[in-house]
Amino acid sequence: MDHIPFGDTPVSRCHFYRRVCDLPANVDPPHLGRIVMKAEHVWAMVLPAHLGQAVKTNMQQRGSDIGPILSHPRSNRWAYLVRPDIPDDVRLFAEMFRLNVSVVRTGGTVALPSPADHAAQFRRWIEPPRCMFRPSGLVVVDAIRACSAQYRPVRRWAAHV
């Protein structure tokens, strides 16, 4: 989807997202051609791009299917589209918050790449959606934990005598 074929419009792209990928996408506002998705049966996990790349590599090494990932180049963040199976757990959300990861849950909005976006500077697909598959949110959480553990500094406590 990085190269826009003849006839690719925000409306046709939105139909593709809805029919083939089961993403509840709409063109909003129509005069700008921006495509947005209300989080319902699809959630998103938004994280720094460097962590997103590490998570993708980790999932591939584990043999997990990746699913759709989009990039927001201006904010240097990636968004994984996931199944809504992340429990409503304050400790989990606090852990993700400390890692600069946010979860877009039911009612939230996710902007999707549109052919109206200029030169992919707003949004672009890292892994485009090809079907209805999305990974479990919990699988992505596990990969985030595994990758972030590599970057955590080791705390050394000095013994006071």
N, C-alpha and C. Protein backbone atom coordinates (compact mmCIF):
# COMPACT_ATOMS: atom_id res chain seq x y z
N MET A 1 0.80 -1.19 0.00
CA MET A 1 0.00 0.00 0.00
C MET A 1 0.84 1.26 0.00
N ASP A 2 2.17 1.12 -0.02
CA ASP A 2 3.01 2.30 -0.07
C ASP A 2 2.90 2.99 -1.42
N HIS A 3 2.69 2.21 -2.49
CA HIS A 3 2.51 2.78 -3.80
C HIS A 3 1.02 2.75 -4.13
N ILE A 4 0.48 3.92 -4.38
CA ILE A 4 -0.96 4.04 -4.58
C ILE A 4 -1.30 3.67 -6.02
N PRO A 5 -2.05 2.57 -6.22
CA PRO A 5 -2.43 2.20 -7.58
C PRO A 5 -3.48 3.16 -8.12
N PHE A 6 -3.59 3.20 -9.44
CA PHE A 6 -4.59 4.03 -10.09
C PHE A 6 -5.97 3.71 -9.53
N GLY A 7 -6.71 4.72 -9.16
CA GLY A 7 -8.07 4.51 -8.65
C GLY A 7 -8.14 4.33 -7.15
N ASP A 8 -7.03 4.30 -6.44
CA ASP A 8 -7.05 4.18 -4.99
C ASP A 8 -7.44 5.54 -4.41
N THR A 9 -8.57 5.57 -3.77
CA THR A 9 -9.08 6.79 -3.15
C THR A 9 -9.33 6.52 -1.68
N PRO A 10 -9.54 7.57 -0.89
CA PRO A 10 -9.89 7.31 0.52
C PRO A 10 -11.12 6.42 0.66
N VAL A 11 -12.11 6.60 -0.19
CA VAL A 11 -13.34 5.79 -0.10
C VAL A 11 -13.06 4.34 -0.49
N SER A 12 -12.31 4.11 -1.58
CA SER A 12 -12.02 2.72 -1.97
C SER A 12 -11.12 2.03 -0.95
N ARG A 13 -10.16 2.78 -0.39
CA ARG A 13 -9.29 2.20 0.64
C ARG A 13 -10.11 1.85 1.87
N CYS A 14 -11.04 2.71 2.23
CA CYS A 14 -11.91 2.47 3.39
C CYS A 14 -12.75 1.20 3.17
N HIS A 15 -13.27 1.03 1.96
CA HIS A 15 -14.02 -0.19 1.65
C HIS A 15 -13.15 -1.43 1.79
N PHE A 16 -11.91 -1.34 1.32
CA PHE A 16 -10.97 -2.46 1.47
C PHE A 16 -10.76 -2.77 2.95
N TYR A 17 -10.49 -1.74 3.75
CA TYR A 17 -10.29 -1.95 5.18
C TYR A 17 -11.50 -2.64 5.81
N ARG A 18 -12.70 -2.21 5.41
CA ARG A 18 -13.92 -2.79 6.01
C ARG A 18 -14.19 -4.20 5.53
N ARG A 19 -14.17 -4.39 4.22
CA ARG A 19 -14.60 -5.68 3.65
C ARG A 19 -13.57 -6.78 3.77
N VAL A 20 -12.33 -6.49 3.47
CA VAL A 20 -11.29 -7.52 3.46
C VAL A 20 -10.66 -7.69 4.84
N CYS A 21 -10.48 -6.58 5.55
CA CYS A 21 -9.71 -6.62 6.81
C CYS A 21 -10.58 -6.53 8.05
N ASP A 22 -11.88 -6.33 7.89
CA ASP A 22 -12.81 -6.21 9.02
C ASP A 22 -12.38 -5.10 10.00
N LEU A 23 -11.91 -3.99 9.45
CA LEU A 23 -11.57 -2.83 10.26
C LEU A 23 -12.70 -1.81 10.12
N PRO A 24 -13.29 -1.35 11.22
CA PRO A 24 -14.43 -0.42 11.15
C PRO A 24 -13.97 0.99 10.78
N ALA A 25 -13.56 1.16 9.53
CA ALA A 25 -12.96 2.42 9.07
C ALA A 25 -13.99 3.32 8.41
N ASN A 26 -13.76 4.62 8.54
CA ASN A 26 -14.58 5.65 7.91
C ASN A 26 -13.69 6.78 7.44
N VAL A 27 -14.13 7.48 6.40
CA VAL A 27 -13.43 8.66 5.94
C VAL A 27 -13.97 9.83 6.75
N ASP A 28 -13.07 10.49 7.51
CA ASP A 28 -13.52 11.57 8.38
C ASP A 28 -12.37 12.54 8.65
N PRO A 29 -12.46 13.75 8.27
CA PRO A 29 -13.54 14.38 7.52
C PRO A 29 -13.38 14.12 6.02
N PRO A 30 -14.51 14.02 5.32
CA PRO A 30 -14.46 13.66 3.90
C PRO A 30 -13.61 14.61 3.05
N HIS A 31 -13.63 15.90 3.34
CA HIS A 31 -12.88 16.84 2.49
C HIS A 31 -11.36 16.71 2.64
N LEU A 32 -10.90 16.10 3.72
CA LEU A 32 -9.47 15.86 3.89
C LEU A 32 -9.05 14.46 3.47
N GLY A 33 -10.00 13.53 3.45
CA GLY A 33 -9.70 12.16 3.06
C GLY A 33 -8.99 11.36 4.13
N ARG A 34 -9.05 11.81 5.36
CA ARG A 34 -8.43 11.08 6.46
C ARG A 34 -9.28 9.86 6.79
N ILE A 35 -8.64 8.72 7.06
CA ILE A 35 -9.36 7.49 7.40
C ILE A 35 -9.12 7.20 8.88
N VAL A 36 -10.21 7.01 9.60
CA VAL A 36 -10.11 6.69 11.02
C VAL A 36 -10.89 5.42 11.32
N MET A 37 -10.50 4.78 12.40
CA MET A 37 -11.16 3.55 12.83
C MET A 37 -11.53 3.71 14.30
N LYS A 38 -12.79 3.48 14.62
CA LYS A 38 -13.20 3.44 16.03
C LYS A 38 -12.80 2.09 16.59
N ALA A 39 -12.13 2.11 17.72
CA ALA A 39 -11.73 0.86 18.36
C ALA A 39 -12.97 0.20 18.95
N GLU A 40 -13.27 -0.98 18.47
CA GLU A 40 -14.40 -1.78 18.95
C GLU A 40 -13.91 -3.21 19.09
N HIS A 41 -14.03 -3.96 18.01
CA HIS A 41 -13.54 -5.34 18.01
C HIS A 41 -12.08 -5.41 17.58
N VAL A 42 -11.48 -4.26 17.36
CA VAL A 42 -10.05 -4.14 17.08
C VAL A 42 -9.52 -3.03 17.98
N TRP A 43 -8.48 -3.34 18.75
CA TRP A 43 -7.80 -2.33 19.56
C TRP A 43 -6.44 -2.06 18.95
N ALA A 44 -5.75 -1.09 19.52
CA ALA A 44 -4.39 -0.78 19.08
C ALA A 44 -3.48 -0.62 20.29
N MET A 45 -2.24 -1.00 20.10
CA MET A 45 -1.19 -0.77 21.11
C MET A 45 -0.18 0.15 20.44
N VAL A 46 0.00 1.33 21.03
CA VAL A 46 0.86 2.36 20.45
C VAL A 46 2.12 2.47 21.29
N LEU A 47 3.28 2.37 20.63
CA LEU A 47 4.53 2.33 21.35
C LEU A 47 5.63 3.04 20.56
N PRO A 48 6.73 3.40 21.22
CA PRO A 48 7.84 4.02 20.49
C PRO A 48 8.33 3.11 19.36
N ALA A 49 8.75 3.72 18.26
CA ALA A 49 9.14 2.96 17.08
C ALA A 49 10.28 1.98 17.36
N HIS A 50 11.27 2.38 18.17
CA HIS A 50 12.39 1.47 18.43
C HIS A 50 11.91 0.22 19.19
N LEU A 51 10.97 0.40 20.10
CA LEU A 51 10.41 -0.75 20.82
C LEU A 51 9.52 -1.55 19.87
N GLY A 52 8.77 -0.86 19.02
CA GLY A 52 7.92 -1.54 18.04
C GLY A 52 8.72 -2.46 17.13
N GLN A 53 9.87 -1.99 16.68
CA GLN A 53 10.73 -2.81 15.83
C GLN A 53 11.25 -4.03 16.59
N ALA A 54 11.65 -3.83 17.84
CA ALA A 54 12.13 -4.94 18.66
C ALA A 54 11.02 -5.96 18.90
N VAL A 55 9.80 -5.48 19.14
CA VAL A 55 8.65 -6.37 19.36
C VAL A 55 8.37 -7.18 18.11
N LYS A 56 8.41 -6.53 16.96
CA LYS A 56 8.18 -7.24 15.69
C LYS A 56 9.20 -8.36 15.50
N THR A 57 10.46 -8.05 15.73
CA THR A 57 11.52 -9.05 15.60
C THR A 57 11.31 -10.19 16.60
N ASN A 58 10.98 -9.84 17.83
CA ASN A 58 10.74 -10.84 18.87
C ASN A 58 9.60 -11.77 18.47
N MET A 59 8.50 -11.19 17.99
CA MET A 59 7.35 -12.02 17.61
C MET A 59 7.70 -12.93 16.43
N GLN A 60 8.45 -12.41 15.47
CA GLN A 60 8.85 -13.24 14.33
C GLN A 60 9.77 -14.37 14.77
N GLN A 61 10.69 -14.09 15.68
CA GLN A 61 11.59 -15.14 16.18
C GLN A 61 10.83 -16.21 16.94
N ARG A 62 9.75 -15.84 17.60
CA ARG A 62 8.91 -16.80 18.33
C ARG A 62 7.97 -17.57 17.41
N GLY A 63 7.89 -17.14 16.15
CA GLY A 63 6.98 -17.80 15.21
C GLY A 63 5.56 -17.28 15.29
N SER A 64 5.35 -16.14 15.93
CA SER A 64 4.02 -15.55 16.02
C SER A 64 3.69 -14.79 14.74
N ASP A 65 2.45 -14.88 14.30
CA ASP A 65 2.01 -14.05 13.19
C ASP A 65 1.96 -12.61 13.66
N ILE A 66 2.34 -11.69 12.80
CA ILE A 66 2.50 -10.29 13.18
C ILE A 66 1.19 -9.51 13.12
N GLY A 67 0.51 -9.54 12.01
CA GLY A 67 -0.69 -8.73 11.86
C GLY A 67 -0.34 -7.30 11.48
N PRO A 68 -1.36 -6.46 11.34
CA PRO A 68 -1.14 -5.08 10.87
C PRO A 68 -0.39 -4.22 11.89
N ILE A 69 0.60 -3.49 11.37
CA ILE A 69 1.36 -2.53 12.16
C ILE A 69 1.45 -1.25 11.34
N LEU A 70 1.12 -0.14 11.97
CA LEU A 70 1.28 1.11 11.25
C LEU A 70 2.25 2.02 11.96
N SER A 71 2.85 2.91 11.18
CA SER A 71 3.84 3.85 11.70
C SER A 71 3.28 5.25 11.62
N HIS A 72 3.61 6.04 12.64
CA HIS A 72 3.34 7.47 12.65
C HIS A 72 4.72 8.15 12.64
N PRO A 73 5.30 8.36 11.46
CA PRO A 73 6.68 8.84 11.39
C PRO A 73 6.94 10.16 12.13
N ARG A 74 6.00 11.08 12.10
CA ARG A 74 6.26 12.37 12.76
C ARG A 74 6.37 12.24 14.27
N SER A 75 5.63 11.29 14.85
CA SER A 75 5.72 11.10 16.31
C SER A 75 6.66 9.95 16.67
N ASN A 76 7.20 9.29 15.64
CA ASN A 76 8.14 8.17 15.84
C ASN A 76 7.51 7.06 16.70
N ARG A 77 6.26 6.70 16.36
CA ARG A 77 5.54 5.67 17.10
C ARG A 77 4.95 4.67 16.12
N TRP A 78 4.79 3.45 16.61
CA TRP A 78 4.14 2.39 15.87
C TRP A 78 2.86 2.00 16.59
N ALA A 79 1.90 1.50 15.83
CA ALA A 79 0.66 0.99 16.42
C ALA A 79 0.41 -0.41 15.89
N TYR A 80 0.28 -1.35 16.81
CA TYR A 80 -0.08 -2.73 16.48
C TYR A 80 -1.60 -2.84 16.60
N LEU A 81 -2.27 -3.33 15.56
CA LEU A 81 -3.71 -3.59 15.66
C LEU A 81 -3.86 -4.99 16.24
N VAL A 82 -4.64 -5.10 17.32
CA VAL A 82 -4.72 -6.35 18.07
C VAL A 82 -6.16 -6.74 18.38
N ARG A 83 -6.31 -8.01 18.77
CA ARG A 83 -7.61 -8.46 19.29
C ARG A 83 -7.81 -7.85 20.67
N PRO A 84 -9.05 -7.55 21.04
CA PRO A 84 -9.32 -6.89 22.32
C PRO A 84 -9.38 -7.86 23.50
N ASP A 85 -8.27 -8.52 23.78
CA ASP A 85 -8.26 -9.51 24.85
C ASP A 85 -7.37 -9.11 26.02
N ILE A 86 -7.01 -7.85 26.09
CA ILE A 86 -6.18 -7.36 27.19
C ILE A 86 -7.10 -7.07 28.38
N PRO A 87 -6.83 -7.68 29.53
CA PRO A 87 -7.73 -7.48 30.67
C PRO A 87 -7.67 -6.05 31.21
N ASP A 88 -8.74 -5.64 31.84
CA ASP A 88 -8.82 -4.32 32.46
C ASP A 88 -8.12 -4.41 33.81
N ASP A 89 -6.80 -4.27 33.78
CA ASP A 89 -5.96 -4.49 34.97
C ASP A 89 -5.09 -3.25 35.18
N VAL A 90 -5.29 -2.57 36.29
CA VAL A 90 -4.57 -1.33 36.58
C VAL A 90 -3.06 -1.57 36.58
N ARG A 91 -2.61 -2.69 37.15
CA ARG A 91 -1.17 -2.96 37.19
C ARG A 91 -0.58 -3.12 35.79
N LEU A 92 -1.33 -3.79 34.91
CA LEU A 92 -0.86 -3.97 33.54
C LEU A 92 -0.76 -2.62 32.83
N PHE A 93 -1.79 -1.79 32.97
CA PHE A 93 -1.76 -0.49 32.30
C PHE A 93 -0.67 0.41 32.88
N ALA A 94 -0.41 0.32 34.18
CA ALA A 94 0.68 1.09 34.79
C ALA A 94 2.03 0.62 34.24
N GLU A 95 2.18 -0.70 34.10
CA GLU A 95 3.42 -1.26 33.54
C GLU A 95 3.64 -0.76 32.12
N MET A 96 2.59 -0.80 31.30
CA MET A 96 2.69 -0.33 29.93
C MET A 96 2.96 1.18 29.89
N PHE A 97 2.32 1.94 30.77
CA PHE A 97 2.52 3.38 30.83
C PHE A 97 3.99 3.71 31.11
N ARG A 98 4.60 2.97 32.03
CA ARG A 98 6.02 3.20 32.34
C ARG A 98 6.91 2.91 31.13
N LEU A 99 6.46 2.07 30.22
CA LEU A 99 7.22 1.74 29.01
C LEU A 99 6.84 2.64 27.83
N ASN A 100 5.98 3.64 28.09
CA ASN A 100 5.52 4.57 27.06
C ASN A 100 4.65 3.87 26.01
N VAL A 101 3.87 2.88 26.48
CA VAL A 101 2.95 2.13 25.63
C VAL A 101 1.54 2.49 26.04
N SER A 102 0.70 2.80 25.07
CA SER A 102 -0.70 3.06 25.38
C SER A 102 -1.58 2.06 24.63
N VAL A 103 -2.72 1.77 25.22
CA VAL A 103 -3.67 0.84 24.62
C VAL A 103 -4.91 1.63 24.22
N VAL A 104 -5.24 1.57 22.94
CA VAL A 104 -6.45 2.22 22.45
C VAL A 104 -7.56 1.18 22.54
N ARG A 105 -8.43 1.39 23.52
CA ARG A 105 -9.49 0.44 23.82
C ARG A 105 -10.80 0.87 23.17
N THR A 106 -11.86 0.10 23.41
CA THR A 106 -13.18 0.39 22.86
C THR A 106 -13.55 1.85 23.09
N GLY A 107 -13.94 2.50 22.02
CA GLY A 107 -14.33 3.90 22.08
C GLY A 107 -13.24 4.84 21.60
N GLY A 108 -11.98 4.36 21.58
CA GLY A 108 -10.88 5.19 21.11
C GLY A 108 -10.88 5.26 19.58
N THR A 109 -10.01 6.09 19.05
CA THR A 109 -9.91 6.28 17.61
C THR A 109 -8.48 6.06 17.16
N VAL A 110 -8.33 5.38 16.03
CA VAL A 110 -7.02 5.14 15.42
C VAL A 110 -7.08 5.67 13.99
N ALA A 111 -6.11 6.51 13.63
CA ALA A 111 -6.02 6.99 12.25
C ALA A 111 -5.26 5.95 11.43
N LEU A 112 -5.80 5.62 10.27
CA LEU A 112 -5.20 4.62 9.38
C LEU A 112 -4.61 5.31 8.15
N PRO A 113 -3.62 4.71 7.52
CA PRO A 113 -3.07 5.29 6.30
C PRO A 113 -4.14 5.47 5.23
N SER A 114 -4.06 6.59 4.55
CA SER A 114 -5.01 6.95 3.50
C SER A 114 -4.23 7.38 2.27
N PRO A 115 -4.78 7.16 1.08
CA PRO A 115 -4.10 7.66 -0.11
C PRO A 115 -4.04 9.19 -0.13
N ALA A 116 -4.83 9.85 0.70
CA ALA A 116 -4.79 11.32 0.78
C ALA A 116 -3.61 11.80 1.63
N ASP A 117 -2.97 10.91 2.39
CA ASP A 117 -1.80 11.29 3.18
C ASP A 117 -0.68 11.67 2.22
N HIS A 118 0.05 12.70 2.54
CA HIS A 118 1.10 13.21 1.65
C HIS A 118 2.43 12.52 1.93
N ALA A 119 2.91 11.77 0.94
CA ALA A 119 4.24 11.14 0.97
C ALA A 119 4.50 10.33 2.23
N ALA A 120 3.49 9.71 2.77
CA ALA A 120 3.61 8.82 3.93
C ALA A 120 4.25 9.50 5.14
N GLN A 121 4.17 10.83 5.22
CA GLN A 121 4.75 11.51 6.38
C GLN A 121 3.81 11.49 7.58
N PHE A 122 2.54 11.18 7.35
CA PHE A 122 1.59 11.12 8.46
C PHE A 122 1.46 9.71 9.00
N ARG A 123 1.08 8.77 8.14
CA ARG A 123 0.90 7.38 8.54
C ARG A 123 1.27 6.49 7.37
N ARG A 124 1.88 5.35 7.72
CA ARG A 124 2.18 4.36 6.67
C ARG A 124 2.18 2.99 7.31
N TRP A 125 1.98 1.97 6.49
CA TRP A 125 1.96 0.61 7.00
C TRP A 125 3.37 0.06 7.09
N ILE A 126 3.70 -0.54 8.24
CA ILE A 126 4.92 -1.34 8.38
C ILE A 126 4.58 -2.75 7.90
N GLU A 127 3.44 -3.26 8.38
CA GLU A 127 2.85 -4.53 7.92
C GLU A 127 1.41 -4.21 7.56
N PRO A 128 1.07 -4.15 6.29
CA PRO A 128 -0.30 -3.80 5.92
C PRO A 128 -1.28 -4.92 6.25
N PRO A 129 -2.53 -4.56 6.49
CA PRO A 129 -3.54 -5.61 6.70
C PRO A 129 -3.83 -6.29 5.37
N ARG A 130 -3.95 -7.60 5.42
CA ARG A 130 -4.24 -8.36 4.20
C ARG A 130 -5.50 -9.20 4.35
N CYS A 131 -5.92 -9.33 5.62
CA CYS A 131 -7.07 -10.16 5.93
C CYS A 131 -7.59 -9.73 7.30
N MET A 132 -8.42 -10.54 7.92
CA MET A 132 -9.01 -10.20 9.21
C MET A 132 -8.11 -10.54 10.40
N PHE A 133 -6.95 -11.10 10.15
CA PHE A 133 -6.10 -11.53 11.27
C PHE A 133 -5.54 -10.34 12.03
N ARG A 134 -5.59 -10.45 13.36
CA ARG A 134 -4.90 -9.58 14.29
C ARG A 134 -4.35 -10.44 15.40
N PRO A 135 -3.14 -10.15 15.88
CA PRO A 135 -2.61 -10.96 16.96
C PRO A 135 -3.34 -10.66 18.27
N SER A 136 -3.23 -11.56 19.19
CA SER A 136 -3.75 -11.33 20.53
C SER A 136 -3.00 -10.15 21.14
N GLY A 137 -3.73 -9.28 21.82
CA GLY A 137 -3.09 -8.19 22.54
C GLY A 137 -2.13 -8.71 23.59
N LEU A 138 -2.47 -9.86 24.20
CA LEU A 138 -1.60 -10.44 25.23
C LEU A 138 -0.29 -10.95 24.66
N VAL A 139 -0.30 -11.43 23.42
CA VAL A 139 0.94 -11.87 22.77
C VAL A 139 1.85 -10.65 22.56
N VAL A 140 1.25 -9.53 22.15
CA VAL A 140 2.04 -8.31 21.96
C VAL A 140 2.57 -7.82 23.31
N VAL A 141 1.75 -7.88 24.36
CA VAL A 141 2.20 -7.49 25.71
C VAL A 141 3.40 -8.35 26.12
N ASP A 142 3.33 -9.65 25.90
CA ASP A 142 4.46 -10.53 26.25
C ASP A 142 5.74 -10.14 25.50
N ALA A 143 5.59 -9.82 24.22
CA ALA A 143 6.76 -9.42 23.42
C ALA A 143 7.30 -8.07 23.92
N ILE A 144 6.42 -7.16 24.29
CA ILE A 144 6.86 -5.86 24.84
C ILE A 144 7.65 -6.10 26.12
N ARG A 145 7.13 -6.96 26.98
CA ARG A 145 7.83 -7.27 28.23
C ARG A 145 9.21 -7.87 27.96
N ALA A 146 9.27 -8.81 27.03
CA ALA A 146 10.55 -9.46 26.71
C ALA A 146 11.55 -8.45 26.16
N CYS A 147 11.09 -7.57 25.30
CA CYS A 147 11.99 -6.59 24.69
C CYS A 147 12.39 -5.50 25.66
N SER A 148 11.47 -5.05 26.48
CA SER A 148 11.79 -3.97 27.41
C SER A 148 12.72 -4.46 28.52
N ALA A 149 12.69 -5.74 28.83
CA ALA A 149 13.58 -6.29 29.85
C ALA A 149 15.04 -6.15 29.41
N GLN A 150 15.28 -6.16 28.11
CA GLN A 150 16.64 -6.02 27.59
C GLN A 150 17.19 -4.62 27.83
N TYR A 151 16.29 -3.62 27.91
CA TYR A 151 16.72 -2.23 28.02
C TYR A 151 16.69 -1.70 29.45
N ARG A 152 16.17 -2.48 30.38
CA ARG A 152 16.08 -2.01 31.76
C ARG A 152 17.47 -1.99 32.39
N PRO A 153 17.81 -0.87 33.01
CA PRO A 153 19.12 -0.84 33.67
C PRO A 153 19.12 -1.73 34.90
N VAL A 154 20.27 -2.32 35.16
CA VAL A 154 20.41 -3.15 36.35
C VAL A 154 20.66 -2.23 37.52
N ARG A 155 19.86 -2.34 38.56
CA ARG A 155 20.02 -1.50 39.74
C ARG A 155 20.99 -2.18 40.70
N ARG A 156 21.93 -1.42 41.12
CA ARG A 156 22.91 -1.92 42.07
C ARG A 156 22.75 -1.10 43.35
N TRP A 157 22.47 -1.77 44.39
CA TRP A 157 22.27 -1.12 45.68
C TRP A 157 23.55 -1.22 46.49
N ALA A 158 23.98 -0.08 46.94
CA ALA A 158 25.20 -0.06 47.77
C ALA A 158 24.83 -0.44 49.19
N ALA A 159 25.62 -1.30 49.75
CA ALA A 159 25.39 -1.70 51.14
C ALA A 159 25.99 -0.64 52.05
N HIS A 160 25.20 -0.15 52.94
CA HIS A 160 25.70 0.85 53.91
C HIS A 160 26.14 0.13 55.16
N VAL A 161 27.33 0.41 55.56
CA VAL A 161 27.88 -0.23 56.75
C VAL A 161 27.97 0.75 57.89
